[in-house]
Protein backbone atom coordinates (compact mmCIF):
# COMPACT_ATOMS: atom_id res chain seq x y z
CA MET A 1 0.00 0.00 0.00
CA ILE A 2 1.17 3.53 -0.82
CA LEU A 3 0.70 6.63 1.32
CA MET A 4 0.51 9.61 -1.01
CA LEU A 5 0.75 13.22 0.13
CA CYS A 6 -1.60 15.32 -2.00
CA GLY A 7 -3.00 18.83 -1.96
CA THR A 8 -2.71 20.24 -5.50
CA GLY A 9 -4.57 19.66 -8.75
CA ASP A 10 -1.72 17.78 -10.38
CA ALA A 11 -1.35 15.61 -7.26
CA ARG A 12 -4.93 14.51 -7.73
CA GLU A 13 -4.20 13.67 -11.36
CA LEU A 14 -1.16 11.67 -10.29
CA ALA A 15 -3.21 9.76 -7.72
CA VAL A 16 -5.77 8.87 -10.38
CA SER A 17 -2.95 7.80 -12.71
CA LEU A 18 -1.39 5.51 -10.09
CA LYS A 19 -4.77 4.00 -9.23
CA SER A 20 -5.46 3.32 -12.91
CA ARG A 21 -2.29 1.19 -12.97
CA GLY A 22 -3.64 -0.98 -10.15
CA LEU A 23 -1.47 0.56 -7.44
CA PRO A 24 -3.34 0.67 -4.10
CA LEU A 25 -2.96 3.99 -2.31
CA THR A 26 -4.39 6.29 0.31
CA ALA A 27 -4.13 10.03 -0.28
CA SER A 28 -3.28 12.18 2.71
CA VAL A 29 -4.65 15.74 2.50
CA VAL A 30 -5.07 18.65 4.88
CA THR A 31 -8.58 19.83 4.05
CA GLU A 32 -11.91 18.09 3.69
CA SER A 33 -12.55 19.82 0.35
CA ALA A 34 -9.38 18.27 -1.09
CA ALA A 35 -10.41 14.87 0.28
CA GLU A 36 -13.85 15.18 -1.29
CA ARG A 37 -12.40 15.79 -4.76
CA LEU A 38 -10.17 12.73 -4.42
CA ARG A 39 -13.01 10.54 -3.17
CA GLU A 40 -15.06 11.59 -6.19
CA ALA A 41 -12.30 10.01 -8.28
CA GLY A 42 -12.46 6.79 -6.25
CA ILE A 43 -9.32 7.52 -4.20
CA SER A 44 -9.19 6.47 -0.55
CA THR A 45 -8.28 9.44 1.68
CA ARG A 46 -7.28 10.54 5.17
CA THR A 47 -7.52 14.15 6.34
CA GLY A 48 -5.42 16.30 8.66
CA ARG A 49 -1.86 17.55 9.08
CA LEU A 50 0.85 15.08 10.09
CA ASP A 51 4.08 15.83 11.94
CA ARG A 52 7.01 13.46 11.72
CA GLU A 53 5.84 11.32 14.63
CA GLY A 54 2.29 11.17 13.31
CA MET A 55 3.57 10.20 9.88
CA SER A 56 5.73 7.42 11.32
CA LEU A 57 2.87 6.03 13.40
CA LEU A 58 0.54 6.06 10.41
CA LEU A 59 3.04 4.38 8.09
CA GLN A 60 3.87 1.70 10.62
CA GLY A 61 0.39 1.16 11.99
CA GLU A 62 -1.30 0.83 8.61
CA GLY A 63 1.45 -1.26 7.02
CA TYR A 64 2.39 1.07 4.17
CA HIS A 65 5.26 0.04 1.94
CA ALA A 66 6.05 3.28 0.11
CA VAL A 67 5.56 7.04 0.36
CA VAL A 68 4.76 9.23 -2.64
CA ASP A 69 5.15 12.92 -1.87
CA ALA A 70 3.18 15.07 -4.31
CA SER A 71 2.58 17.96 -1.93
CA HIS A 72 3.11 21.59 -2.91
CA PRO A 73 6.66 22.62 -3.96
CA PHE A 74 6.78 25.05 -1.01
CA ALA A 75 5.52 22.56 1.59
CA LEU A 76 8.96 22.15 3.15
CA GLU A 77 7.74 20.84 6.49
CA ALA A 78 5.59 18.19 4.83
CA HIS A 79 8.50 17.11 2.61
CA ALA A 80 10.88 16.84 5.56
CA ASN A 81 8.41 14.93 7.74
CA ALA A 82 7.65 12.43 4.97
CA MET A 83 11.31 11.87 4.10
CA GLN A 84 12.38 11.41 7.71
CA ALA A 85 9.50 9.12 8.60
CA ALA A 86 10.08 6.95 5.52
CA ALA A 87 13.82 6.77 6.19
CA ALA A 88 13.29 5.79 9.83
CA LEU A 89 11.13 2.86 8.72
CA GLY A 90 13.29 1.90 5.73
CA LEU A 91 10.55 2.70 3.22
CA PRO A 92 11.15 4.08 -0.27
CA TYR A 93 10.28 7.78 -0.62
CA PHE A 94 9.29 9.05 -4.07
CA ARG A 95 8.96 12.76 -4.73
CA TYR A 96 6.91 14.16 -7.60
CA GLU A 97 8.29 17.59 -8.47
CA ARG A 98 6.13 19.53 -10.89
CA PRO A 99 8.16 21.17 -13.68
CA GLY A 100 9.33 24.67 -12.84
CA LEU A 101 9.37 27.79 -14.94
CA GLU A 102 12.25 29.95 -16.06
CA PHE A 103 11.77 33.68 -16.15
CA ALA A 104 13.73 36.17 -18.22
CA SER A 105 15.10 39.25 -16.49
CA HIS A 106 12.75 42.22 -16.31
CA PRO A 107 13.28 45.64 -14.70
CA ARG A 108 10.15 45.21 -12.56
CA LEU A 109 10.74 41.58 -11.62
CA VAL A 110 12.32 41.19 -8.18
CA ILE A 111 13.65 37.72 -7.40
CA VAL A 112 13.84 36.71 -3.71
CA HIS A 113 14.49 33.47 -1.84
CA SER A 114 12.21 33.68 1.20
CA TYR A 115 8.93 35.11 2.44
CA GLU A 116 10.86 37.48 4.69
CA GLU A 117 12.85 38.82 1.74
CA ALA A 118 9.62 39.28 -0.20
CA ALA A 119 8.03 41.29 2.62
CA SER A 120 11.12 43.47 2.94
CA ALA A 121 11.17 44.13 -0.81
CA ALA A 122 7.50 45.12 -0.79
CA LYS A 123 8.07 47.45 2.17
CA GLU A 124 10.84 49.17 0.24
CA ILE A 125 8.80 49.58 -2.97
CA LYS A 126 5.55 50.52 -1.13
CA GLY A 127 2.19 51.24 -2.78
CA SER A 128 -0.80 48.92 -3.17
CA VAL A 129 0.53 45.39 -2.60
CA MET A 130 -1.40 42.25 -3.56
CA LEU A 131 -0.20 39.13 -1.77
CA THR A 132 -0.99 35.85 -3.59
CA THR A 133 1.13 33.40 -1.58
CA GLY A 134 -1.68 31.96 0.55
CA GLY A 135 -2.53 32.11 4.22
CA LYS A 136 0.17 29.93 5.78
CA THR A 137 2.81 32.67 6.00
CA LEU A 138 0.44 35.62 6.19
CA GLU A 139 1.82 36.83 9.51
CA ILE A 140 5.24 37.45 7.96
CA PHE A 141 3.78 40.00 5.55
CA ALA A 142 1.29 41.46 8.01
CA GLY A 143 4.08 42.06 10.50
CA GLN A 144 6.14 44.09 8.05
CA LEU A 145 3.51 45.77 5.87
CA LEU A 146 0.44 46.46 7.99
CA GLY A 147 0.52 49.85 9.65
CA ASP A 148 2.75 51.46 7.03
CA PRO A 149 0.78 54.52 5.82
CA ASP A 150 2.32 54.20 2.36
CA ILE A 151 1.23 50.58 1.86
CA ARG A 152 -2.15 49.00 1.25
CA LEU A 153 -1.92 45.23 1.74
CA THR A 154 -4.49 43.18 -0.16
CA VAL A 155 -4.44 39.41 0.30
CA ARG A 156 -5.76 36.85 -2.17
CA LEU A 157 -6.25 33.44 -0.62
CA LEU A 158 -8.49 30.40 -0.45
CA PRO A 159 -11.98 31.05 0.97
CA CYS A 160 -11.66 28.77 4.01
CA LEU A 161 -12.54 29.54 7.61
CA GLU A 162 -8.92 29.16 8.80
CA ASN A 163 -7.76 31.90 6.43
CA MET A 164 -10.58 34.26 7.36
CA GLU A 165 -9.92 33.81 11.07
CA LYS A 166 -6.22 34.47 10.55
CA CYS A 167 -6.94 37.66 8.62
CA LEU A 168 -9.17 38.82 11.48
CA ARG A 169 -6.51 38.08 14.09
CA LEU A 170 -3.83 39.92 12.13
CA GLY A 171 -5.97 42.99 11.58
CA ILE A 172 -6.42 42.71 7.82
CA GLU A 173 -9.55 44.64 6.89
CA GLN A 174 -12.38 42.82 5.16
CA ARG A 175 -12.20 45.19 2.19
CA ASN A 176 -8.63 44.02 1.58
CA ILE A 177 -9.42 40.30 1.51
CA ILE A 178 -10.00 38.50 -1.81
CA ALA A 179 -11.28 35.05 -0.88
CA MET A 180 -11.28 33.10 -4.15
CA GLN A 181 -10.08 29.75 -5.42
CA GLY A 182 -8.07 29.60 -8.63
CA PRO A 183 -6.65 28.86 -11.04
CA PHE A 184 -7.02 32.37 -12.46
CA SER A 185 -6.69 33.33 -16.10
CA GLN A 186 -4.56 36.26 -17.21
CA GLU A 187 -7.77 38.23 -17.78
CA MET A 188 -9.02 37.53 -14.24
CA ASN A 189 -5.68 38.58 -12.78
CA GLU A 190 -5.74 41.80 -14.76
CA ALA A 191 -9.28 42.56 -13.58
CA LEU A 192 -8.35 42.05 -9.93
CA PHE A 193 -5.20 44.18 -10.26
CA ARG A 194 -7.27 47.01 -11.75
CA GLN A 195 -10.03 46.65 -9.14
CA TYR A 196 -7.62 46.97 -6.24
CA GLY A 197 -5.24 49.46 -7.84
CA THR A 198 -2.38 47.02 -7.42
CA GLN A 199 1.15 48.31 -7.90
CA VAL A 200 3.11 45.39 -6.43
CA MET A 201 2.24 41.70 -6.69
CA ILE A 202 3.90 39.00 -4.58
CA THR A 203 3.83 35.38 -5.73
CA LYS A 204 5.67 32.06 -5.52
CA GLU A 205 7.33 30.09 -8.31
CA SER A 206 5.09 27.08 -7.86
CA GLY A 207 5.17 25.92 -11.48
CA ALA A 208 2.83 25.92 -14.45
CA GLU A 209 0.10 24.13 -12.48
CA GLY A 210 0.03 27.03 -10.05
CA SER A 211 -0.85 29.50 -12.84
CA VAL A 212 2.22 31.59 -11.97
CA GLU A 213 2.92 32.46 -15.58
CA GLU A 214 -0.55 33.99 -16.01
CA LYS A 215 -0.07 36.11 -12.89
CA LEU A 216 3.36 37.33 -13.96
CA ARG A 217 2.34 38.10 -17.51
CA ALA A 218 -0.70 40.05 -16.36
CA ALA A 219 1.24 42.00 -13.74
CA LEU A 220 4.27 42.86 -15.87
CA ASP A 221 2.14 43.77 -18.89
CA MET A 222 0.30 46.25 -16.66
CA GLY A 223 3.53 47.76 -15.37
CA LEU A 224 3.33 46.32 -11.85
CA TYR A 225 6.32 45.31 -9.79
CA VAL A 226 6.43 41.55 -9.26
CA ILE A 227 8.18 40.03 -6.26
CA LEU A 228 8.80 36.37 -7.09
CA ILE A 229 9.79 33.89 -4.38
CA VAL A 230 11.81 31.15 -6.05
CA ARG A 231 11.47 27.54 -5.01
CA PRO A 232 13.39 26.55 -1.89
CA LYS A 233 16.19 24.07 -2.34
CA LEU A 234 15.69 20.83 -0.48
CA ASP A 235 17.79 17.69 -0.65
CA PHE A 236 15.33 14.96 -1.58
CA SER A 237 17.43 12.16 -0.21
CA GLY A 238 16.25 8.60 0.08
CA ASN A 239 16.03 5.41 -1.91
CA GLY A 240 13.10 6.41 -4.12
CA GLY A 241 14.11 9.45 -6.11
CA VAL A 242 12.64 12.62 -7.58
CA TYR A 243 10.47 12.47 -10.70
CA HIS A 244 9.05 15.12 -13.01
CA SER A 245 6.61 12.91 -14.89
CA PHE A 246 3.72 10.70 -13.86
CA ALA A 247 4.92 7.78 -15.94
CA GLY A 248 8.46 7.82 -14.57
CA LEU A 249 7.27 7.93 -10.98
CA ALA A 250 4.64 5.22 -11.52
CA GLU A 251 7.17 2.84 -13.06
CA ALA A 252 9.58 3.40 -10.16
CA VAL A 253 6.85 2.77 -7.59
CA GLU A 254 5.73 -0.37 -9.41
CA ALA A 255 9.27 -1.70 -9.40
CA ALA A 256 9.73 -0.98 -5.70
CA LEU A 257 6.48 -2.64 -4.69
CA ALA A 258 7.22 -5.61 -6.91
CA VAL A 259 10.41 -6.20 -4.92
CA VAL A 260 8.55 -5.89 -1.61
CA ASN A 261 5.64 -8.08 -2.61
CA GLY A 262 7.19 -10.46 -5.08
CA GLY A 263 4.92 -9.14 -7.81
CA PHE A 264 1.63 -7.31 -8.05
CA GLY A 265 -1.83 -8.48 -7.03
CA GLY A 266 -5.00 -8.96 -9.04
CA SER A 267 -5.50 -11.16 -12.07
CA GLN A 268 -3.10 -10.68 -14.97
CA SER A 269 -1.17 -7.43 -15.12
CA ARG A 270 -0.07 -5.53 -18.20
CA ASN A 271 3.19 -7.51 -18.27
CA GLY A 272 1.43 -10.85 -17.94
CA ARG A 273 2.42 -11.62 -14.34
CA ASP A 274 -0.05 -13.30 -12.01
CA ASN A 275 -1.26 -10.54 -9.70
CA SER A 276 -3.56 -12.49 -7.40
CA GLY A 277 -3.70 -11.33 -3.82
CA PHE A 278 -1.70 -8.10 -4.19
CA ARG A 279 -4.10 -5.98 -2.16
CA ASN A 280 -3.98 -8.41 0.73
CA ARG A 281 -0.21 -8.58 0.78
CA VAL A 282 0.58 -4.85 0.76
C-alpha cells in the first residue's frame, strides 16, 4: 500500500494515474474539500496535518510500503516529515516535483528566496501590494507591511474559515481580503489588479500548475512590480528518487512494490504476471 501526500490539482491527477495502474494507495490531504475531490475520483483518503511522529505512526500502523510525496513545492515541512518518517522505517520515498518555470530578467521583476525577503522588498517599494502566496505565512507580511501609511496590503487566498480567522486576528480589513479559489486566467488577474489598484504583486514560483505564468504576464504587462519567491532548495534524499513525470514515478513505484511483494496483485497485469492477492499482501 502507498501513502501519497496530495493537496494540489496535479497531485490529484497523479493519484488517479497511479490508481489506474492498479497501485493501491491512500491520499493524505489537509482539508476536507481536497479529500472530497479525491473521493469523487475513487481515491481512498485521510484528512489532517501530520508531523514526523504522526507520519511514522501512520506508516507503521497501517502497514504502508512506500511514500509518494506530491505535496506543494513550497511545503517544506511536509517534505521533511515524509522523508524522515520513511527513512526511519526503511521505506522508499518518491517525490513528484512539478516542472518549474524559467523567467527572463525584467526591470520590474524582483527575485527573492524567502517570504521574509519578499516582505522586505515590498516594504521598500511601497504602494498597493497584492499578496498571492496563501494564508500559511500571512503573519510574515502582516508584521512588516500592515501599519505602514504608504502601503495597502491586499491578500488573495483560499476562501476557508482558517484563512478568514487568521486575517481577522492579524488585523487585515475585510475590504482588503479577496477570498477566491483559482486557477485564475490572465484576464481575471488583470481585472483584480485594476479593481484593487495594485502596484506590487507578490507570488511564488510554484510551477505551471500554479498559474504563476498567467499572474506574472498580467502584472508585468500592466507595469506592476512583481516580487517572485523562487522555489526553496531541499535535498530529496532517500532510496526512491525525484520524478518530473507521472509515468516515470509510476514505473519506479511499481518496481519498488514488486520487490517488496514479489509481484503485483489482481488477475493478470499488463506484463502478464499473475497478480492475485496483491491488495492483501501490501
